[in-house]
PDB file of N, CA and C in Angstrom:
ATOM      1  N   ASP A   1     167.842  91.971 133.066  1.00  0.00           N
ATOM      2  CA  ASP A   1     168.682  92.743 132.078  1.00  0.00           C
ATOM      3  C   ASP A   1     167.540  93.510 131.278  1.00  0.00           C
ATOM      4  N   LEU A   2     167.992  94.852 131.027  1.00  0.00           N
ATOM      5  CA  LEU A   2     167.270  95.766 130.322  1.00  0.00           C
ATOM      6  C   LEU A   2     167.339  95.500 128.816  1.00  0.00           C
ATOM      7  N   THR A   3     166.171  95.302 128.210  1.00  0.00           N
ATOM      8  CA  THR A   3     166.093  95.255 126.737  1.00  0.00           C
ATOM      9  C   THR A   3     165.929  96.580 125.999  1.00  0.00           C
ATOM     10  N   VAL A   4     166.157  96.693 124.773  1.00  0.00           N
ATOM     11  CA  VAL A   4     165.852  97.950 123.901  1.00  0.00           C
ATOM     12  C   VAL A   4     164.407  98.360 124.311  1.00  0.00           C
ATOM     13  N   ALA A   5     163.335  97.390 124.297  1.00  0.00           N
ATOM     14  CA  ALA A   5     161.914  97.718 124.461  1.00  0.00           C
ATOM     15  C   ALA A   5     161.917  98.199 125.954  1.00  0.00           C
ATOM     16  N   ASP A   6     162.459  97.748 126.917  1.00  0.00           N
ATOM     17  CA  ASP A   6     162.413  98.436 128.282  1.00  0.00           C
ATOM     18  C   ASP A   6     162.899  99.865 128.183  1.00  0.00           C
ATOM     19  N   GLU A   7     163.965 100.053 127.479  1.00  0.00           N
ATOM     20  CA  GLU A   7     164.608 101.466 127.517  1.00  0.00           C
ATOM     21  C   GLU A   7     163.504 102.350 126.745  1.00  0.00           C
ATOM     22  N   GLU A   8     163.048 101.778 125.657  1.00  0.00           N
ATOM     23  CA  GLU A   8     161.975 102.799 124.817  1.00  0.00           C
ATOM     24  C   GLU A   8     160.788 102.990 125.798  1.00  0.00           C
ATOM     25  N   ASP A   9     160.295 101.976 126.554  1.00  0.00           N
ATOM     26  CA  ASP A   9     159.262 102.190 127.509  1.00  0.00           C
ATOM     27  C   ASP A   9     159.504 103.151 128.569  1.00  0.00           C
ATOM     28  N   ALA A  10     160.768 103.064 129.035  1.00  0.00           N
ATOM     29  CA  ALA A  10     161.239 104.061 130.095  1.00  0.00           C
ATOM     30  C   ALA A  10     161.250 105.598 129.498  1.00  0.00           C
ATOM     31  N   GLU A  11     161.774 105.704 128.332  1.00  0.00           N
ATOM     32  CA  GLU A  11     161.889 106.982 127.609  1.00  0.00           C
ATOM     33  C   GLU A  11     160.469 107.455 127.250  1.00  0.00           C
ATOM     34  N   GLN A  12     159.607 106.655 127.053  1.00  0.00           N
ATOM     35  CA  GLN A  12     158.115 107.094 126.550  1.00  0.00           C
ATOM     36  C   GLN A  12     157.440 107.622 128.028  1.00  0.00           C
ATOM     37  N   ASP A  13     157.747 106.782 129.059  1.00  0.00           N
ATOM     38  CA  ASP A  13     157.208 107.144 130.399  1.00  0.00           C
ATOM     39  C   ASP A  13     157.601 108.654 130.855  1.00  0.00           C
ATOM     40  N   LEU A  14     159.093 108.959 130.577  1.00  0.00           N
ATOM     41  CA  LEU A  14     159.500 110.207 130.946  1.00  0.00           C
ATOM     42  C   LEU A  14     158.946 111.346 130.041  1.00  0.00           C
ATOM     43  N   ASP A  15     158.583 110.881 128.710  1.00  0.00           N
ATOM     44  CA  ASP A  15     157.981 112.030 127.954  1.00  0.00           C
ATOM     45  C   ASP A  15     156.627 112.210 128.342  1.00  0.00           C
ATOM     46  N   VAL A  16     155.923 111.176 128.726  1.00  0.00           N
ATOM     47  CA  VAL A  16     154.538 111.346 129.215  1.00  0.00           C
ATOM     48  C   VAL A  16     154.433 112.173 130.596  1.00  0.00           C
ATOM     49  N   PHE A  17     155.525 111.780 131.424  1.00  0.00           N
ATOM     50  CA  PHE A  17     155.556 112.555 132.691  1.00  0.00           C
ATOM     51  C   PHE A  17     155.822 113.985 132.488  1.00  0.00           C
ATOM     52  N   ALA A  18     156.809 114.305 131.613  1.00  0.00           N
ATOM     53  CA  ALA A  18     157.115 115.679 131.192  1.00  0.00           C
ATOM     54  C   ALA A  18     155.807 116.396 130.744  1.00  0.00           C
ATOM     55  N   THR A  19     155.212 115.803 129.903  1.00  0.00           N
ATOM     56  CA  THR A  19     153.927 116.322 129.215  1.00  0.00           C
ATOM     57  C   THR A  19     152.836 116.626 130.303  1.00  0.00           C
ATOM     58  N   LEU A  20     152.609 115.769 131.086  1.00  0.00           N
ATOM     59  CA  LEU A  20     151.485 115.760 132.074  1.00  0.00           C
ATOM     60  C   LEU A  20     152.041 116.711 133.128  1.00  0.00           C
ATOM     61  N   THR A  21     153.304 116.901 133.463  1.00  0.00           N
ATOM     62  CA  THR A  21     153.622 117.935 134.455  1.00  0.00           C
ATOM     63  C   THR A  21     153.459 119.252 134.035  1.00  0.00           C
ATOM     64  N   GLN A  22     153.701 119.445 132.679  1.00  0.00           N
ATOM     65  CA  GLN A  22     153.443 120.767 132.162  1.00  0.00           C
ATOM     66  C   GLN A  22     152.040 121.091 132.180  1.00  0.00           C
ATOM     67  N   ALA A  23     151.221 120.086 131.740  1.00  0.00           N
ATOM     68  CA  ALA A  23     149.691 120.343 131.788  1.00  0.00           C
ATOM     69  C   ALA A  23     149.166 120.524 133.238  1.00  0.00           C
ATOM     70  N   GLU A  24     149.809 119.938 134.216  1.00  0.00           N
ATOM     71  CA  GLU A  24     149.294 120.061 135.633  1.00  0.00           C
ATOM     72  C   GLU A  24     149.750 121.561 135.999  1.00  0.00           C
ATOM     73  N   LYS A  25     150.855 122.040 135.545  1.00  0.00           N
ATOM     74  CA  LYS A  25     151.356 123.440 136.094  1.00  0.00           C
ATOM     75  C   LYS A  25     150.340 124.428 135.373  1.00  0.00           C
ATOM     76  N   LYS A  26     149.812 124.095 134.145  1.00  0.00           N
ATOM     77  CA  LYS A  26     148.952 125.138 133.404  1.00  0.00           C
ATOM     78  C   LYS A  26     147.582 125.013 134.184  1.00  0.00           C
ATOM     79  N   MET A  27     147.160 123.821 134.828  1.00  0.00           N
ATOM     80  CA  MET A  27     145.849 123.710 135.490  1.00  0.00           C
ATOM     81  C   MET A  27     145.893 124.454 136.680  1.00  0.00           C
ATOM     82  N   TYR A  28     147.070 124.454 137.395  1.00  0.00           N
ATOM     83  CA  TYR A  28     147.236 125.321 138.668  1.00  0.00           C
ATOM     84  C   TYR A  28     147.202 126.777 138.276  1.00  0.00           C
ATOM     85  N   GLN A  29     147.824 127.088 137.199  1.00  0.00           N
ATOM     86  CA  GLN A  29     147.869 128.553 136.737  1.00  0.00           C
ATOM     87  C   GLN A  29     146.482 129.071 136.391  1.00  0.00           C
ATOM     88  N   GLN A  30     145.714 128.065 135.824  1.00  0.00           N
ATOM     89  CA  GLN A  30     144.238 128.364 135.286  1.00  0.00           C
ATOM     90  C   GLN A  30     143.241 128.287 136.404  1.00  0.00           C
ATOM     91  N   GLY A  31     143.636 127.869 137.712  1.00  0.00           N
ATOM     92  CA  GLY A  31     142.716 127.620 138.724  1.00  0.00           C
ATOM     93  C   GLY A  31     141.968 126.444 138.670  1.00  0.00           C
ATOM     94  N   LEU A  32     142.292 125.578 137.987  1.00  0.00           N
ATOM     95  CA  LEU A  32     141.488 124.197 137.750  1.00  0.00           C
ATOM     96  C   LEU A  32     141.939 123.389 139.046  1.00  0.00           C
ATOM     97  N   ILE A  33     143.051 123.561 139.649  1.00  0.00           N
ATOM     98  CA  ILE A  33     143.499 122.732 140.772  1.00  0.00           C
ATOM     99  C   ILE A  33     143.868 123.905 141.905  1.00  0.00           C
ATOM    100  N   ASN A  34     143.216 123.867 142.961  1.00  0.00           N
ATOM    101  CA  ASN A  34     143.478 124.788 143.966  1.00  0.00           C
ATOM    102  C   ASN A  34     144.671 124.313 144.813  1.00  0.00           C
ATOM    103  N   PRO A  35     145.927 124.990 144.861  1.00  0.00           N
ATOM    104  CA  PRO A  35     146.982 124.492 145.288  1.00  0.00           C
ATOM    105  C   PRO A  35     146.903 124.331 146.890  1.00  0.00           C
ATOM    106  N   GLU A  36     145.990 125.056 147.496  1.00  0.00           N
ATOM    107  CA  GLU A  36     145.780 124.982 148.866  1.00  0.00           C
ATOM    108  C   GLU A  36     144.664 124.014 149.400  1.00  0.00           C
ATOM    109  N   TYR A  37     144.293 123.085 148.502  1.00  0.00           N
ATOM    110  CA  TYR A  37     143.093 122.352 148.791  1.00  0.00           C
ATOM    111  C   TYR A  37     143.102 121.544 149.967  1.00  0.00           C
ATOM    112  N   PHE A  38     144.243 121.107 150.404  1.00  0.00           N
ATOM    113  CA  PHE A  38     144.474 120.244 151.496  1.00  0.00           C
ATOM    114  C   PHE A  38     143.847 121.042 152.966  1.00  0.00           C
ATOM    115  N   GLN A  39     144.226 122.282 152.929  1.00  0.00           N
ATOM    116  CA  GLN A  39     143.818 123.182 154.010  1.00  0.00           C
ATOM    117  C   GLN A  39     142.391 123.713 153.846  1.00  0.00           C
ATOM    118  N   GLU A  40     142.200 124.231 152.696  1.00  0.00           N
ATOM    119  CA  GLU A  40     140.866 125.025 152.381  1.00  0.00           C
ATOM    120  C   GLU A  40     139.803 124.151 152.215  1.00  0.00           C
ATOM    121  N   VAL A  41     139.903 123.114 151.320  1.00  0.00           N
ATOM    122  CA  VAL A  41     138.792 122.234 150.944  1.00  0.00           C
ATOM    123  C   VAL A  41     138.644 121.003 151.908  1.00  0.00           C
ATOM    124  N   GLN A  42     139.802 120.377 151.902  1.00  0.00           N
ATOM    125  CA  GLN A  42     139.764 119.087 152.790  1.00  0.00           C
ATOM    126  C   GLN A  42     139.906 119.251 154.233  1.00  0.00           C
ATOM    127  N   ARG A  43     140.131 120.525 154.572  1.00  0.00           N
ATOM    128  CA  ARG A  43     140.378 120.758 156.043  1.00  0.00           C
ATOM    129  C   ARG A  43     141.218 119.852 156.834  1.00  0.00           C
ATOM    130  N   ASN A  44     142.260 119.401 156.141  1.00  0.00           N
ATOM    131  CA  ASN A  44     143.256 118.522 156.665  1.00  0.00           C
ATOM    132  C   ASN A  44     142.783 117.242 157.041  1.00  0.00           C
ATOM    133  N   VAL A  45     141.496 116.740 156.370  1.00  0.00           N
ATOM    134  CA  VAL A  45     140.965 115.342 156.581  1.00  0.00           C
ATOM    135  C   VAL A  45     141.822 114.480 155.659  1.00  0.00           C
ATOM    136  N   VAL A  46     141.956 114.894 154.374  1.00  0.00           N
ATOM    137  CA  VAL A  46     142.814 114.341 153.490  1.00  0.00           C
ATOM    138  C   VAL A  46     144.146 115.119 153.423  1.00  0.00           C
ATOM    139  N   THR A  47     145.118 114.497 153.688  1.00  0.00           N
ATOM    140  CA  THR A  47     146.502 115.171 154.020  1.00  0.00           C
ATOM    141  C   THR A  47     147.327 114.692 152.699  1.00  0.00           C
ATOM    142  N   PRO A  48     148.512 115.466 152.546  1.00  0.00           N
ATOM    143  CA  PRO A  48     149.367 115.203 151.463  1.00  0.00           C
ATOM    144  C   PRO A  48     149.811 113.764 151.662  1.00  0.00           C
ATOM    145  N   ASN A  49     150.062 113.204 153.065  1.00  0.00           N
ATOM    146  CA  ASN A  49     150.610 111.925 153.161  1.00  0.00           C
ATOM    147  C   ASN A  49     149.494 110.869 152.777  1.00  0.00           C
ATOM    148  N   ARG A  50     148.243 111.138 152.995  1.00  0.00           N
ATOM    149  CA  ARG A  50     147.176 110.179 152.713  1.00  0.00           C
ATOM    150  C   ARG A  50     147.039 110.135 151.165  1.00  0.00           C
ATOM    151  N   ARG A  51     147.105 111.336 150.500  1.00  0.00           N
ATOM    152  CA  ARG A  51     147.099 111.326 149.118  1.00  0.00           C
ATOM    153  C   ARG A  51     148.198 110.496 148.576  1.00  0.00           C
ATOM    154  N   LYS A  52     149.427 110.535 149.058  1.00  0.00           N
ATOM    155  CA  LYS A  52     150.645 109.904 148.480  1.00  0.00           C
ATOM    156  C   LYS A  52     150.508 108.368 148.832  1.00  0.00           C
ATOM    157  N   ILE A  53     149.759 108.027 149.877  1.00  0.00           N
ATOM    158  CA  ILE A  53     149.533 106.540 150.076  1.00  0.00           C
ATOM    159  C   ILE A  53     148.448 106.042 149.082  1.00  0.00           C
ATOM    160  N   VAL A  54     147.499 106.814 148.682  1.00  0.00           N
ATOM    161  CA  VAL A  54     146.524 106.401 147.719  1.00  0.00           C
ATOM    162  C   VAL A  54     147.289 106.340 146.396  1.00  0.00           C
ATOM    163  N   ILE A  55     148.042 107.227 145.904  1.00  0.00           N
ATOM    164  CA  ILE A  55     148.696 107.201 144.722  1.00  0.00           C
ATOM    165  C   ILE A  55     149.614 106.040 144.497  1.00  0.00           C
ATOM    166  N   LYS A  56     150.425 105.756 145.693  1.00  0.00           N
ATOM    167  CA  LYS A  56     151.259 104.567 145.560  1.00  0.00           C
ATOM    168  C   LYS A  56     150.457 103.312 145.371  1.00  0.00           C
ATOM    169  N   TRP A  57     149.203 103.307 146.201  1.00  0.00           N
ATOM    170  CA  TRP A  57     148.496 102.149 145.970  1.00  0.00           C
ATOM    171  C   TRP A  57     147.884 102.019 144.520  1.00  0.00           C
ATOM    172  N   LEU A  58     147.492 103.010 143.982  1.00  0.00           N
ATOM    173  CA  LEU A  58     147.068 103.057 142.546  1.00  0.00           C
ATOM    174  C   LEU A  58     148.105 102.597 141.655  1.00  0.00           C
ATOM    175  N   ALA A  59     149.339 102.939 141.940  1.00  0.00           N
ATOM    176  CA  ALA A  59     150.404 102.520 141.091  1.00  0.00           C
ATOM    177  C   ALA A  59     150.544 101.012 141.250  1.00  0.00           C
ATOM    178  N   GLU A  60     150.502 100.360 142.406  1.00  0.00           N
ATOM    179  CA  GLU A  60     150.431  98.999 142.577  1.00  0.00           C
ATOM    180  C   GLU A  60     149.356  98.185 141.866  1.00  0.00           C
ATOM    181  N   VAL A  61     148.332  98.858 142.143  1.00  0.00           N
ATOM    182  CA  VAL A  61     146.952  98.192 141.440  1.00  0.00           C
ATOM    183  C   VAL A  61     147.068  98.231 139.820  1.00  0.00           C
ATOM    184  N   ALA A  62     147.507  99.417 139.296  1.00  0.00           N
ATOM    185  CA  ALA A  62     147.801  99.639 137.891  1.00  0.00           C
ATOM    186  C   ALA A  62     148.773  98.705 137.264  1.00  0.00           C
ATOM    187  N   ASN A  63     149.759  98.140 138.073  1.00  0.00           N
ATOM    188  CA  ASN A  63     150.667  97.212 137.552  1.00  0.00           C
ATOM    189  C   ASN A  63     150.377  95.737 137.835  1.00  0.00           C
ATOM    190  N   GLU A  64     149.248  95.403 138.322  1.00  0.00           N
ATOM    191  CA  GLU A  64     148.654  94.035 138.496  1.00  0.00           C
ATOM    192  C   GLU A  64     148.455  93.613 137.036  1.00  0.00           C
ATOM    193  N   PRO A  65     148.709  92.292 136.716  1.00  0.00           N
ATOM    194  CA  PRO A  65     148.453  91.749 135.359  1.00  0.00           C
ATOM    195  C   PRO A  65     146.974  91.890 134.874  1.00  0.00           C
ATOM    196  N   THR A  66     146.120  91.941 135.819  1.00  0.00           N
ATOM    197  CA  THR A  66     144.724  92.043 135.428  1.00  0.00           C
ATOM    198  C   THR A  66     144.277  93.446 135.016  1.00  0.00           C
ATOM    199  N   MET A  67     145.092  94.334 135.491  1.00  0.00           N
ATOM    200  CA  MET A  67     144.787  95.899 135.201  1.00  0.00           C
ATOM    201  C   MET A  67     145.649  96.292 133.944  1.00  0.00           C
ATOM    202  N   SER A  68     146.931  96.209 134.192  1.00  0.00           N
ATOM    203  CA  SER A  68     148.068  96.856 133.420  1.00  0.00           C
ATOM    204  C   SER A  68     147.675  98.039 132.693  1.00  0.00           C
ATOM    205  N   LEU A  69     147.608  99.179 133.692  1.00  0.00           N
ATOM    206  CA  LEU A  69     147.248 100.554 133.081  1.00  0.00           C
ATOM    207  C   LEU A  69     148.439 101.101 132.724  1.00  0.00           C
ATOM    208  N   SER A  70     148.436 101.990 131.689  1.00  0.00           N
ATOM    209  CA  SER A  70     149.567 102.717 131.026  1.00  0.00           C
ATOM    210  C   SER A  70     150.178 103.874 132.238  1.00  0.00           C
ATOM    211  N   SER A  71     151.278 104.177 132.055  1.00  0.00           N
ATOM    212  CA  SER A  71     151.711 105.339 132.820  1.00  0.00           C
ATOM    213  C   SER A  71     150.956 106.560 132.711  1.00  0.00           C
ATOM    214  N   GLU A  72     150.646 106.795 131.488  1.00  0.00           N
ATOM    215  CA  GLU A  72     149.800 107.985 131.150  1.00  0.00           C
ATOM    216  C   GLU A  72     148.507 107.916 131.900  1.00  0.00           C
ATOM    217  N   THR A  73     147.770 106.776 132.032  1.00  0.00           N
ATOM    218  CA  THR A  73     146.516 106.590 132.694  1.00  0.00           C
ATOM    219  C   THR A  73     146.701 106.854 134.103  1.00  0.00           C
ATOM    220  N   GLN A  74     147.794 106.282 134.726  1.00  0.00           N
ATOM    221  CA  GLN A  74     148.079 106.538 136.028  1.00  0.00           C
ATOM    222  C   GLN A  74     148.254 107.884 136.541  1.00  0.00           C
ATOM    223  N   PHE A  75     149.023 108.668 135.576  1.00  0.00           N
ATOM    224  CA  PHE A  75     149.337 110.134 135.850  1.00  0.00           C
ATOM    225  C   PHE A  75     147.968 110.936 135.744  1.00  0.00           C
ATOM    226  N   LEU A  76     147.144 110.650 134.731  1.00  0.00           N
ATOM    227  CA  LEU A  76     145.977 111.252 134.688  1.00  0.00           C
ATOM    228  C   LEU A  76     144.910 110.990 135.812  1.00  0.00           C
ATOM    229  N   ALA A  77     144.957 109.713 136.297  1.00  0.00           N
ATOM    230  CA  ALA A  77     144.286 109.432 137.518  1.00  0.00           C
ATOM    231  C   ALA A  77     144.600 110.232 138.620  1.00  0.00           C
ATOM    232  N   ALA A  78     145.822 110.428 138.859  1.00  0.00           N
ATOM    233  CA  ALA A  78     146.381 111.292 139.881  1.00  0.00           C
ATOM    234  C   ALA A  78     145.814 112.735 139.795  1.00  0.00           C
ATOM    235  N   ASN A  79     145.984 113.185 138.475  1.00  0.00           N
ATOM    236  CA  ASN A  79     145.379 114.519 138.226  1.00  0.00           C
ATOM    237  C   ASN A  79     143.984 114.637 138.491  1.00  0.00           C
ATOM    238  N   LEU A  80     143.232 113.808 138.044  1.00  0.00           N
ATOM    239  CA  LEU A  80     141.610 113.792 138.267  1.00  0.00           C
ATOM    240  C   LEU A  80     141.385 113.794 139.847  1.00  0.00           C
ATOM    241  N   LEU A  81     142.344 113.063 140.536  1.00  0.00           N
ATOM    242  CA  LEU A  81     142.163 112.896 141.887  1.00  0.00           C
ATOM    243  C   LEU A  81     142.383 114.299 142.554  1.00  0.00           C
ATOM    244  N   ASP A  82     143.386 114.887 142.208  1.00  0.00           N
ATOM    245  CA  ASP A  82     143.633 116.409 142.538  1.00  0.00           C
ATOM    246  C   ASP A  82     142.621 117.388 142.250  1.00  0.00           C
ATOM    247  N   ARG A  83     142.131 117.282 141.102  1.00  0.00           N
ATOM    248  CA  ARG A  83     141.155 118.142 140.640  1.00  0.00           C
ATOM    249  C   ARG A  83     139.835 117.973 141.434  1.00  0.00           C
ATOM    250  N   PHE A  84     139.360 116.842 141.657  1.00  0.00           N
ATOM    251  CA  PHE A  84     138.198 116.455 142.425  1.00  0.00           C
ATOM    252  C   PHE A  84     138.404 117.067 143.972  1.00  0.00           C
ATOM    253  N   LEU A  85     139.529 116.637 144.553  1.00  0.00           N
ATOM    254  CA  LEU A  85     139.826 117.035 145.808  1.00  0.00           C
ATOM    255  C   LEU A  85     140.036 118.471 146.042  1.00  0.00           C
ATOM    256  N   SER A  86     140.478 119.135 144.905  1.00  0.00           N
ATOM    257  CA  SER A  86     140.572 120.662 145.177  1.00  0.00           C
ATOM    258  C   SER A  86     139.047 121.371 145.071  1.00  0.00           C
ATOM    259  N   ARG A  87     138.125 120.533 144.821  1.00  0.00           N
ATOM    260  CA  ARG A  87     136.729 121.139 144.716  1.00  0.00           C
ATOM    261  C   ARG A  87     135.822 120.705 145.729  1.00  0.00           C
ATOM    262  N   LYS A  88     135.812 119.527 146.089  1.00  0.00           N
ATOM    263  CA  LYS A  88     134.850 118.861 146.975  1.00  0.00           C
ATOM    264  C   LYS A  88     135.607 118.220 148.196  1.00  0.00           C
ATOM    265  N   PRO A  89     135.081 118.450 149.318  1.00  0.00           N
ATOM    266  CA  PRO A  89     135.513 117.819 150.514  1.00  0.00           C
ATOM    267  C   PRO A  89     134.817 116.393 150.494  1.00  0.00           C
ATOM    268  N   ILE A  90     135.705 115.396 150.889  1.00  0.00           N
ATOM    269  CA  ILE A  90     135.330 113.999 150.948  1.00  0.00           C
ATOM    270  C   ILE A  90     135.642 113.364 152.411  1.00  0.00           C
ATOM    271  N   HIS A  91     134.922 112.393 152.771  1.00  0.00           N
ATOM    272  CA  HIS A  91     135.248 111.429 153.942  1.00  0.00           C
ATOM    273  C   HIS A  91     136.441 110.797 153.595  1.00  0.00           C
ATOM    274  N   ILE A  92     137.330 110.582 154.547  1.00  0.00           N
ATOM    275  CA  ILE A  92     138.599 109.761 154.347  1.00  0.00           C
ATOM    276  C   ILE A  92     138.271 108.356 153.938  1.00  0.00           C
ATOM    277  N   ASN A  93     137.247 107.875 154.318  1.00  0.00           N
ATOM    278  CA  ASN A  93     136.874 106.389 153.966  1.00  0.00           C
ATOM    279  C   ASN A  93     136.632 106.363 152.487  1.00  0.00           C
ATOM    280  N   HIS A  94     136.292 107.406 151.943  1.00  0.00           N
ATOM    281  CA  HIS A  94     136.026 107.347 150.285  1.00  0.00           C
ATOM    282  C   HIS A  94     137.226 107.681 149.597  1.00  0.00           C
ATOM    283  N   LEU A  95     138.394 108.072 150.072  1.00  0.00           N
ATOM    284  CA  LEU A  95     139.542 108.298 149.240  1.00  0.00           C
ATOM    285  C   LEU A  95     140.110 107.299 148.406  1.00  0.00           C
ATOM    286  N   GLN A  96     140.113 105.939 148.786  1.00  0.00           N
ATOM    287  CA  GLN A  96     140.679 105.008 148.091  1.00  0.00           C
ATOM    288  C   GLN A  96     139.606 104.745 147.014  1.00  0.00           C
ATOM    289  N   LEU A  97     138.348 104.755 147.134  1.00  0.00           N
ATOM    290  CA  LEU A  97     137.306 104.616 146.215  1.00  0.00           C
ATOM    291  C   LEU A  97     137.421 105.732 145.146  1.00  0.00           C
ATOM    292  N   LEU A  98     137.560 106.831 145.559  1.00  0.00           N
ATOM    293  CA  LEU A  98     137.777 107.974 144.622  1.00  0.00           C
ATOM    294  C   LEU A  98     139.093 107.748 143.721  1.00  0.00           C
ATOM    295  N   GLY A  99     140.050 107.244 144.352  1.00  0.00           N
ATOM    296  CA  GLY A  99     141.263 107.024 143.564  1.00  0.00           C
ATOM    297  C   GLY A  99     141.134 106.035 142.469  1.00  0.00           C
ATOM    298  N   ILE A 100     140.422 104.897 142.880  1.00  0.00           N
ATOM    299  CA  ILE A 100     140.236 103.982 141.763  1.00  0.00           C
ATOM    300  C   ILE A 100     139.277 104.270 140.719  1.00  0.00           C
ATOM    301  N   THR A 101     138.259 105.150 141.085  1.00  0.00           N
ATOM    302  CA  THR A 101     137.377 105.614 140.163  1.00  0.00           C
ATOM    303  C   THR A 101     137.955 106.545 139.065  1.00  0.00           C
ATOM    304  N   CYS A 102     138.911 107.416 139.593  1.00  0.00           N
ATOM    305  CA  CYS A 102     139.733 108.224 138.756  1.00  0.00           C
ATOM    306  C   CYS A 102     140.455 107.294 137.832  1.00  0.00           C
ATOM    307  N   ALA A 103     141.011 106.290 138.174  1.00  0.00           N
ATOM    308  CA  ALA A 103     141.802 105.445 137.271  1.00  0.00           C
ATOM    309  C   ALA A 103     140.822 104.791 136.204  1.00  0.00           C
ATOM    310  N   PHE A 104     139.647 104.485 136.540  1.00  0.00           N
ATOM    311  CA  PHE A 104     138.710 103.869 135.531  1.00  0.00           C
ATOM    312  C   PHE A 104     138.112 105.006 134.616  1.00  0.00           C
ATOM    313  N   ILE A 105     138.191 106.252 134.973  1.00  0.00           N
ATOM    314  CA  ILE A 105     137.657 107.272 134.157  1.00  0.00           C
ATOM    315  C   ILE A 105     138.715 107.382 133.004  1.00  0.00           C
TER     316      ILE A 105
END
């Protein structure tokens, strides 16, 4: 059963998501994130699917009782991941490490 607190948390998550989505759009417009980074920077080593897997894993880790990261922190971690990947090529073996590092920043 959903409580009033759960509904308020869900509304807050939606607000955070909307705010961060707007900020991300601005970052694309300002050139802080290269929208073609999968092809141009990562040379298809890091693919959209591999990124999605890491983001899903980060969400699972973030919801562990020992971590309990806020939704905002999770969204910011994904943003940092994209910003880094749009600038520096990495080896696929380092993608998960990069993801968790972004969450801790």
